[in-house]
Each structure stands twice: as structure tokens, then as C-alpha cells.
Amino acid sequence: MVSTDPRIDAYIAKAQPFAQPILAHLRALVRQACPAVEETIKWGSPFFLYRGMFCHMAAFKQHCAFGFWKWKQVVGEDSAEQAMGQFGRIEKRSDLPPKKVLLGYLKKAMALNEAAVPAATRGRSVPAKPPAEVPDDLAAALKKNAKARRTFEAFSSSHRREYVEWIVEAKRAGTRATRLATTLEWLAEGKPRHWKYRR
């Protein structure tokens, strides 16, 4: 039996209490289906390798994610890749497919790797979104803060969109004002919207 990676033990231990049993369950299923699996950490999250990239999991503040590297071939062409996985926001074990179904997916993923089948193209299936329309309050604030404005203008369209959507999705005026102030602060420091999650 291949030994476990202590970094994944530490990752699970540091996760939110709701996430720990979910991650432990997923890890146990992966190891049950594929005793020869190798554990590692990539991009700050647990990854499982078996003759190449196999599957991965992650914990966030309020949900977990689980997915297959060759998700289109494993879960199906009609499945939508959501964030880091194919099973949406996993907040409790019952959000996962039944054990038998997950073990079936794992066996299918193993067979694909054993046959050296390449992952399906991860190219865009929908046209790129147009540039985000900058709301008036953000535009006015950027005019007054040259440092933040330079960062914002240098960012890719997707990075700019992350800030714009975060601001306009606020439901209350107070929340929007707080987000706007935080946006200016982070932009002045050269930070993308999700800088906290990058390593």
C-alpha cells in the first residue's frame, strides 16, 4: 500500500470542520478505487496521480470541490465544469453522488489513464465575454487614484471583470461602498481580486 502524503493530512486538518469529513471521505474513496494512487499538492490543493493527472479536491470557506482531470470523458460531455470540479458546491457528504457512482467514475478515470487517453480539449465552448462595463462609482474612484487606475488598466479583461462583478453584485449600498474601498486598496497594491487564494 502506498503511503499517504502528510501534506494532505495537514490540508484536511486545517480545513473548516464541515469540510474535513468530506475530504477524508473523498480521499478514502480514491484510495479504495486505486490503491496505487500517488498523493501530492499542486496549486495549493490535494491532487491524486495515477499514470498521470487523475483527480483533485479542494476546501474553501463554505464548500468543497472534487473533480477529474479528464472530466469530459469520465463524467460525460454534457457535464459542466464548475470551478474546480464537476459536482458543484459540496457542503455536505450528501451533495456527492452515491459511493457506487463515484467509485465507477474513479475506475473509469483509471482506465483512461491506463490506456493513455489524452484529456479532452479544455478550450472555450462559448465565445469570450465582452469587456466588463465599469460602473460610474468605480470609474470616478479610479480617476482619483492613479495607482489603482494603472493596475486596473493593466489587468486582463477577466481580472477587471472580477472586480466589477464583485462591486455590482453587492445588494446593499454599504456593502458596495466597502467593496469599492477595498477594490481601490487592493488595486493600489497591484493585487488581483482573488489574490488571497494564490500561492
C-alpha atoms as a PDB file:
ATOM      1  CA  MET A   1       0.000   0.000   0.000  1.00  0.00           C
ATOM      2  CA  VAL A   2       1.386   3.404  -0.993  1.00  0.00           C
ATOM      3  CA  SER A   3       1.881   5.734   1.944  1.00  0.00           C
ATOM      4  CA  THR A   4      -0.192   8.848   2.264  1.00  0.00           C
ATOM      5  CA  ASP A   5       1.218  12.335   1.786  1.00  0.00           C
ATOM      6  CA  PRO A   6       1.431  14.120   5.158  1.00  0.00           C
ATOM      7  CA  ARG A   7       0.768  17.439   3.392  1.00  0.00           C
ATOM      8  CA  ILE A   8      -2.723  16.211   2.582  1.00  0.00           C
ATOM      9  CA  ASP A   9      -3.205  15.165   6.209  1.00  0.00           C
ATOM     10  CA  ALA A  10      -2.267  18.735   7.165  1.00  0.00           C
ATOM     11  CA  TYR A  11      -4.531  20.206   4.459  1.00  0.00           C
ATOM     12  CA  ILE A  12      -7.528  18.269   5.772  1.00  0.00           C
ATOM     13  CA  ALA A  13      -6.709  19.159   9.383  1.00  0.00           C
ATOM     14  CA  LYS A  14      -6.604  22.877   8.508  1.00  0.00           C
ATOM     15  CA  ALA A  15      -9.877  22.799   6.545  1.00  0.00           C
ATOM     16  CA  GLN A  16     -13.139  24.065   8.017  1.00  0.00           C
ATOM     17  CA  PRO A  17     -14.810  21.499  10.335  1.00  0.00           C
ATOM     18  CA  PHE A  18     -17.639  20.835   7.847  1.00  0.00           C
ATOM     19  CA  ALA A  19     -15.061  20.085   5.112  1.00  0.00           C
ATOM     20  CA  GLN A  20     -12.883  17.618   6.999  1.00  0.00           C
ATOM     21  CA  PRO A  21     -15.213  14.568   6.768  1.00  0.00           C
ATOM     22  CA  ILE A  22     -15.955  15.348   3.107  1.00  0.00           C
ATOM     23  CA  LEU A  23     -12.264  15.493   2.193  1.00  0.00           C
ATOM     24  CA  ALA A  24     -11.462  12.390   4.243  1.00  0.00           C
ATOM     25  CA  HIS A  25     -14.327  10.510   2.525  1.00  0.00           C
ATOM     26  CA  LEU A  26     -13.164  11.538  -0.956  1.00  0.00           C
ATOM     27  CA  ARG A  27      -9.575  10.604  -0.181  1.00  0.00           C
ATOM     28  CA  ALA A  28     -10.645   7.205   1.134  1.00  0.00           C
ATOM     29  CA  LEU A  29     -12.729   6.535  -1.996  1.00  0.00           C
ATOM     30  CA  VAL A  30      -9.837   7.470  -4.284  1.00  0.00           C
ATOM     31  CA  ARG A  31      -7.508   5.154  -2.380  1.00  0.00           C
ATOM     32  CA  GLN A  32     -10.115   2.360  -2.329  1.00  0.00           C
ATOM     33  CA  ALA A  33     -10.620   2.552  -6.087  1.00  0.00           C
ATOM     34  CA  CYS A  34      -6.937   2.979  -6.880  1.00  0.00           C
ATOM     35  CA  PRO A  35      -4.565   1.579  -4.228  1.00  0.00           C
ATOM     36  CA  ALA A  36      -1.561   2.593  -6.391  1.00  0.00           C
ATOM     37  CA  VAL A  37      -2.577   6.266  -6.407  1.00  0.00           C
ATOM     38  CA  GLU A  38       0.092   8.859  -5.617  1.00  0.00           C
ATOM     39  CA  GLU A  39      -0.848  11.845  -3.477  1.00  0.00           C
ATOM     40  CA  THR A  40       0.599  15.304  -3.902  1.00  0.00           C
ATOM     41  CA  ILE A  41      -0.169  19.002  -3.582  1.00  0.00           C
ATOM     42  CA  LYS A  42      -0.490  21.100  -6.737  1.00  0.00           C
ATOM     43  CA  TRP A  43      -1.638  24.698  -6.930  1.00  0.00           C
ATOM     44  CA  GLY A  44      -2.169  24.554  -3.169  1.00  0.00           C
ATOM     45  CA  SER A  45      -4.723  21.692  -3.281  1.00  0.00           C
ATOM     46  CA  PRO A  46      -4.617  17.903  -2.951  1.00  0.00           C
ATOM     47  CA  PHE A  47      -4.122  16.087  -6.258  1.00  0.00           C
ATOM     48  CA  PHE A  48      -4.125  12.380  -6.941  1.00  0.00           C
ATOM     49  CA  LEU A  49      -1.911  10.918  -9.644  1.00  0.00           C
ATOM     50  CA  TYR A  50      -2.218   7.588 -11.383  1.00  0.00           C
ATOM     51  CA  ARG A  51      -0.232   7.247 -14.572  1.00  0.00           C
ATOM     52  CA  GLY A  52      -0.665  10.993 -14.910  1.00  0.00           C
ATOM     53  CA  MET A  53      -3.139  13.525 -13.586  1.00  0.00           C
ATOM     54  CA  PHE A  54      -6.111  11.697 -12.103  1.00  0.00           C
ATOM     55  CA  CYS A  55      -8.394  13.745  -9.810  1.00  0.00           C
ATOM     56  CA  HIS A  56      -8.274  16.549  -7.264  1.00  0.00           C
ATOM     57  CA  MET A  57     -10.141  18.079  -4.355  1.00  0.00           C
ATOM     58  CA  ALA A  58     -10.176  21.381  -2.517  1.00  0.00           C
ATOM     59  CA  ALA A  59     -11.748  23.023   0.510  1.00  0.00           C
ATOM     60  CA  PHE A  60     -12.954  26.602   0.694  1.00  0.00           C
ATOM     61  CA  LYS A  61     -14.616  28.607   3.448  1.00  0.00           C
ATOM     62  CA  GLN A  62     -18.117  27.294   2.794  1.00  0.00           C
ATOM     63  CA  HIS A  63     -17.796  24.431   0.328  1.00  0.00           C
ATOM     64  CA  CYS A  64     -15.552  21.753  -1.140  1.00  0.00           C
ATOM     65  CA  ALA A  65     -14.848  20.781  -4.734  1.00  0.00           C
ATOM     66  CA  PHE A  66     -13.905  17.491  -6.370  1.00  0.00           C
ATOM     67  CA  GLY A  67     -13.121  16.798  -9.973  1.00  0.00           C
ATOM     68  CA  PHE A  68     -11.424  14.610 -12.546  1.00  0.00           C
ATOM     69  CA  TRP A  69      -8.604  15.735 -14.792  1.00  0.00           C
ATOM     70  CA  LYS A  70     -10.309  14.050 -17.758  1.00  0.00           C
ATOM     71  CA  TRP A  71     -13.740  15.131 -16.610  1.00  0.00           C
ATOM     72  CA  LYS A  72     -15.428  15.169 -20.012  1.00  0.00           C
ATOM     73  CA  GLN A  73     -14.501  11.551 -20.654  1.00  0.00           C
ATOM     74  CA  VAL A  74     -15.289  10.449 -17.080  1.00  0.00           C
ATOM     75  CA  VAL A  75     -18.481  12.320 -16.185  1.00  0.00           C
ATOM     76  CA  GLY A  76     -19.709  12.986 -19.714  1.00  0.00           C
ATOM     77  CA  GLU A  77     -19.643  15.644 -22.403  1.00  0.00           C
ATOM     78  CA  ASP A  78     -22.848  17.192 -21.066  1.00  0.00           C
ATOM     79  CA  SER A  79     -21.398  17.781 -17.604  1.00  0.00           C
ATOM     80  CA  ALA A  80     -20.424  21.328 -16.824  1.00  0.00           C
ATOM     81  CA  GLU A  81     -17.044  22.001 -15.245  1.00  0.00           C
ATOM     82  CA  GLN A  82     -17.793  24.153 -12.201  1.00  0.00           C
ATOM     83  CA  ALA A  83     -14.915  25.960 -10.566  1.00  0.00           C
ATOM     84  CA  MET A  84     -12.538  23.112  -9.689  1.00  0.00           C
ATOM     85  CA  GLY A  85     -14.819  20.156 -10.259  1.00  0.00           C
ATOM     86  CA  GLN A  86     -17.903  18.658 -11.795  1.00  0.00           C
ATOM     87  CA  PHE A  87     -20.102  18.262  -8.740  1.00  0.00           C
ATOM     88  CA  GLY A  88     -20.893  21.865  -7.837  1.00  0.00           C
ATOM     89  CA  ARG A  89     -20.588  23.219  -4.312  1.00  0.00           C
ATOM     90  CA  ILE A  90     -20.109  20.321  -1.931  1.00  0.00           C
ATOM     91  CA  GLU A  91     -21.213  21.450   1.536  1.00  0.00           C
ATOM     92  CA  LYS A  92     -22.010  18.000   2.980  1.00  0.00           C
ATOM     93  CA  ARG A  93     -21.368  14.403   2.015  1.00  0.00           C
ATOM     94  CA  SER A  94     -24.900  14.008   0.682  1.00  0.00           C
ATOM     95  CA  ASP A  95     -24.080  16.606  -2.008  1.00  0.00           C
ATOM     96  CA  LEU A  96     -21.812  13.998  -3.598  1.00  0.00           C
ATOM     97  CA  PRO A  97     -23.042  11.231  -5.896  1.00  0.00           C
ATOM     98  CA  PRO A  98     -23.524   7.871  -4.134  1.00  0.00           C
ATOM     99  CA  LYS A  99     -20.374   5.913  -3.266  1.00  0.00           C
ATOM    100  CA  LYS A 100     -21.048   3.346  -6.013  1.00  0.00           C
ATOM    101  CA  VAL A 101     -21.312   6.082  -8.654  1.00  0.00           C
ATOM    102  CA  LEU A 102     -18.115   7.814  -7.505  1.00  0.00           C
ATOM    103  CA  LEU A 103     -16.230   4.504  -7.474  1.00  0.00           C
ATOM    104  CA  GLY A 104     -17.458   3.921 -11.030  1.00  0.00           C
ATOM    105  CA  TYR A 105     -16.141   7.323 -12.095  1.00  0.00           C
ATOM    106  CA  LEU A 106     -12.802   6.601 -10.418  1.00  0.00           C
ATOM    107  CA  LYS A 107     -12.487   3.238 -12.193  1.00  0.00           C
ATOM    108  CA  LYS A 108     -13.314   4.909 -15.497  1.00  0.00           C
ATOM    109  CA  ALA A 109     -10.676   7.594 -14.883  1.00  0.00           C
ATOM    110  CA  MET A 110      -8.125   4.872 -14.056  1.00  0.00           C
ATOM    111  CA  ALA A 111      -8.914   3.014 -17.290  1.00  0.00           C
ATOM    112  CA  LEU A 112      -8.477   6.211 -19.325  1.00  0.00           C
ATOM    113  CA  ASN A 113      -5.053   6.811 -17.786  1.00  0.00           C
ATOM    114  CA  GLU A 114      -4.035   3.174 -18.244  1.00  0.00           C
ATOM    115  CA  ALA A 115      -4.926   3.492 -21.944  1.00  0.00           C
ATOM    116  CA  ALA A 116      -3.033   6.832 -22.113  1.00  0.00           C
ATOM    117  CA  VAL A 117      -6.135   8.598 -23.464  1.00  0.00           C
ATOM    118  CA  PRO A 118      -5.406  12.345 -23.575  1.00  0.00           C
ATOM    119  CA  ALA A 119      -7.679  14.765 -21.767  1.00  0.00           C
ATOM    120  CA  ALA A 120     -10.378  16.306 -23.931  1.00  0.00           C
ATOM    121  CA  THR A 121      -9.632  19.777 -25.157  1.00  0.00           C
ATOM    122  CA  ARG A 122     -10.365  22.314 -22.471  1.00  0.00           C
ATOM    123  CA  GLY A 123     -10.903  25.089 -24.998  1.00  0.00           C
ATOM    124  CA  ARG A 124     -13.785  27.510 -24.702  1.00  0.00           C
ATOM    125  CA  SER A 125     -17.121  26.172 -25.854  1.00  0.00           C
ATOM    126  CA  VAL A 126     -18.674  29.629 -25.631  1.00  0.00           C
ATOM    127  CA  PRO A 127     -17.425  32.914 -27.070  1.00  0.00           C
ATOM    128  CA  ALA A 128     -15.319  35.143 -24.860  1.00  0.00           C
ATOM    129  CA  LYS A 129     -17.273  37.652 -22.801  1.00  0.00           C
ATOM    130  CA  PRO A 130     -17.109  41.290 -23.864  1.00  0.00           C
ATOM    131  CA  PRO A 131     -15.134  43.623 -21.585  1.00  0.00           C
ATOM    132  CA  ALA A 132     -16.965  44.429 -18.357  1.00  0.00           C
ATOM    133  CA  GLU A 133     -18.705  47.788 -18.252  1.00  0.00           C
ATOM    134  CA  VAL A 134     -17.102  49.801 -15.454  1.00  0.00           C
ATOM    135  CA  PRO A 135     -19.779  51.277 -13.165  1.00  0.00           C
ATOM    136  CA  ASP A 136     -19.792  55.037 -12.619  1.00  0.00           C
ATOM    137  CA  ASP A 137     -18.726  54.887  -8.968  1.00  0.00           C
ATOM    138  CA  LEU A 138     -15.701  52.729  -9.774  1.00  0.00           C
ATOM    139  CA  ALA A 139     -14.758  54.878 -12.772  1.00  0.00           C
ATOM    140  CA  ALA A 140     -14.932  58.035 -10.628  1.00  0.00           C
ATOM    141  CA  ALA A 141     -12.873  56.434  -7.851  1.00  0.00           C
ATOM    142  CA  LEU A 142     -10.225  55.261 -10.326  1.00  0.00           C
ATOM    143  CA  LYS A 143      -9.908  58.791 -11.729  1.00  0.00           C
ATOM    144  CA  LYS A 144      -8.912  59.973  -8.254  1.00  0.00           C
ATOM    145  CA  ASN A 145      -6.444  57.136  -7.587  1.00  0.00           C
ATOM    146  CA  ALA A 146      -3.757  56.944 -10.280  1.00  0.00           C
ATOM    147  CA  LYS A 147      -2.008  53.920  -8.786  1.00  0.00           C
ATOM    148  CA  ALA A 148      -5.206  51.871  -8.647  1.00  0.00           C
ATOM    149  CA  ARG A 149      -6.189  53.063 -12.126  1.00  0.00           C
ATOM    150  CA  ARG A 150      -2.853  51.960 -13.647  1.00  0.00           C
ATOM    151  CA  THR A 151      -3.220  48.489 -12.128  1.00  0.00           C
ATOM    152  CA  PHE A 152      -6.824  48.184 -13.259  1.00  0.00           C
ATOM    153  CA  GLU A 153      -5.987  49.241 -16.820  1.00  0.00           C
ATOM    154  CA  ALA A 154      -3.013  46.836 -16.955  1.00  0.00           C
ATOM    155  CA  PHE A 155      -5.119  43.878 -15.836  1.00  0.00           C
ATOM    156  CA  SER A 156      -6.591  41.406 -18.291  1.00  0.00           C
ATOM    157  CA  SER A 157     -10.272  41.717 -19.125  1.00  0.00           C
ATOM    158  CA  SER A 158     -11.096  38.770 -16.845  1.00  0.00           C
ATOM    159  CA  HIS A 159      -9.275  40.331 -13.864  1.00  0.00           C
ATOM    160  CA  ARG A 160     -11.092  43.641 -14.388  1.00  0.00           C
ATOM    161  CA  ARG A 161     -14.398  41.773 -14.678  1.00  0.00           C
ATOM    162  CA  GLU A 162     -13.815  40.048 -11.304  1.00  0.00           C
ATOM    163  CA  TYR A 163     -13.625  43.421  -9.557  1.00  0.00           C
ATOM    164  CA  VAL A 164     -16.538  44.941 -11.485  1.00  0.00           C
ATOM    165  CA  GLU A 165     -18.822  41.966 -10.798  1.00  0.00           C
ATOM    166  CA  TRP A 166     -17.870  41.926  -7.121  1.00  0.00           C
ATOM    167  CA  ILE A 167     -18.879  45.571  -6.768  1.00  0.00           C
ATOM    168  CA  VAL A 168     -22.094  45.482  -8.795  1.00  0.00           C
ATOM    169  CA  GLU A 169     -23.311  42.257  -7.148  1.00  0.00           C
ATOM    170  CA  ALA A 170     -23.454  43.968  -3.738  1.00  0.00           C
ATOM    171  CA  LYS A 171     -27.075  44.120  -2.584  1.00  0.00           C
ATOM    172  CA  ARG A 172     -26.723  46.974  -0.084  1.00  0.00           C
ATOM    173  CA  ALA A 173     -25.221  50.412  -0.569  1.00  0.00           C
ATOM    174  CA  GLY A 174     -22.980  49.943   2.480  1.00  0.00           C
ATOM    175  CA  THR A 175     -21.618  46.664   1.146  1.00  0.00           C
ATOM    176  CA  ARG A 176     -20.983  48.242  -2.237  1.00  0.00           C
ATOM    177  CA  ALA A 177     -19.119  51.160  -0.659  1.00  0.00           C
ATOM    178  CA  THR A 178     -16.959  48.766   1.366  1.00  0.00           C
ATOM    179  CA  ARG A 179     -16.182  46.679  -1.700  1.00  0.00           C
ATOM    180  CA  LEU A 180     -15.322  49.782  -3.692  1.00  0.00           C
ATOM    181  CA  ALA A 181     -12.897  50.968  -0.988  1.00  0.00           C
ATOM    182  CA  THR A 182     -11.320  47.502  -0.769  1.00  0.00           C
ATOM    183  CA  THR A 183     -11.027  47.353  -4.561  1.00  0.00           C
ATOM    184  CA  LEU A 184      -9.094  50.634  -4.625  1.00  0.00           C
ATOM    185  CA  GLU A 185      -6.828  49.492  -1.807  1.00  0.00           C
ATOM    186  CA  TRP A 186      -6.033  46.164  -3.468  1.00  0.00           C
ATOM    187  CA  LEU A 187      -5.581  47.699  -6.909  1.00  0.00           C
ATOM    188  CA  ALA A 188      -3.183  50.278  -5.476  1.00  0.00           C
ATOM    189  CA  GLU A 189      -1.177  47.332  -4.125  1.00  0.00           C
ATOM    190  CA  GLY A 190      -1.262  45.633  -7.540  1.00  0.00           C
ATOM    191  CA  LYS A 191      -3.455  42.768  -6.336  1.00  0.00           C
ATOM    192  CA  PRO A 192      -5.996  40.833  -8.413  1.00  0.00           C
ATOM    193  CA  ARG A 193      -9.422  40.292  -6.882  1.00  0.00           C
ATOM    194  CA  HIS A 194      -8.668  36.747  -5.674  1.00  0.00           C
ATOM    195  CA  TRP A 195      -5.086  37.373  -4.536  1.00  0.00           C
ATOM    196  CA  LYS A 196      -5.704  35.671  -1.165  1.00  0.00           C
ATOM    197  CA  TYR A 197      -6.164  32.306  -2.847  1.00  0.00           C
ATOM    198  CA  ARG A 198      -2.930  32.427  -4.825  1.00  0.00           C
ATOM    199  CA  ARG A 199       0.287  30.978  -3.549  1.00  0.00           C
END
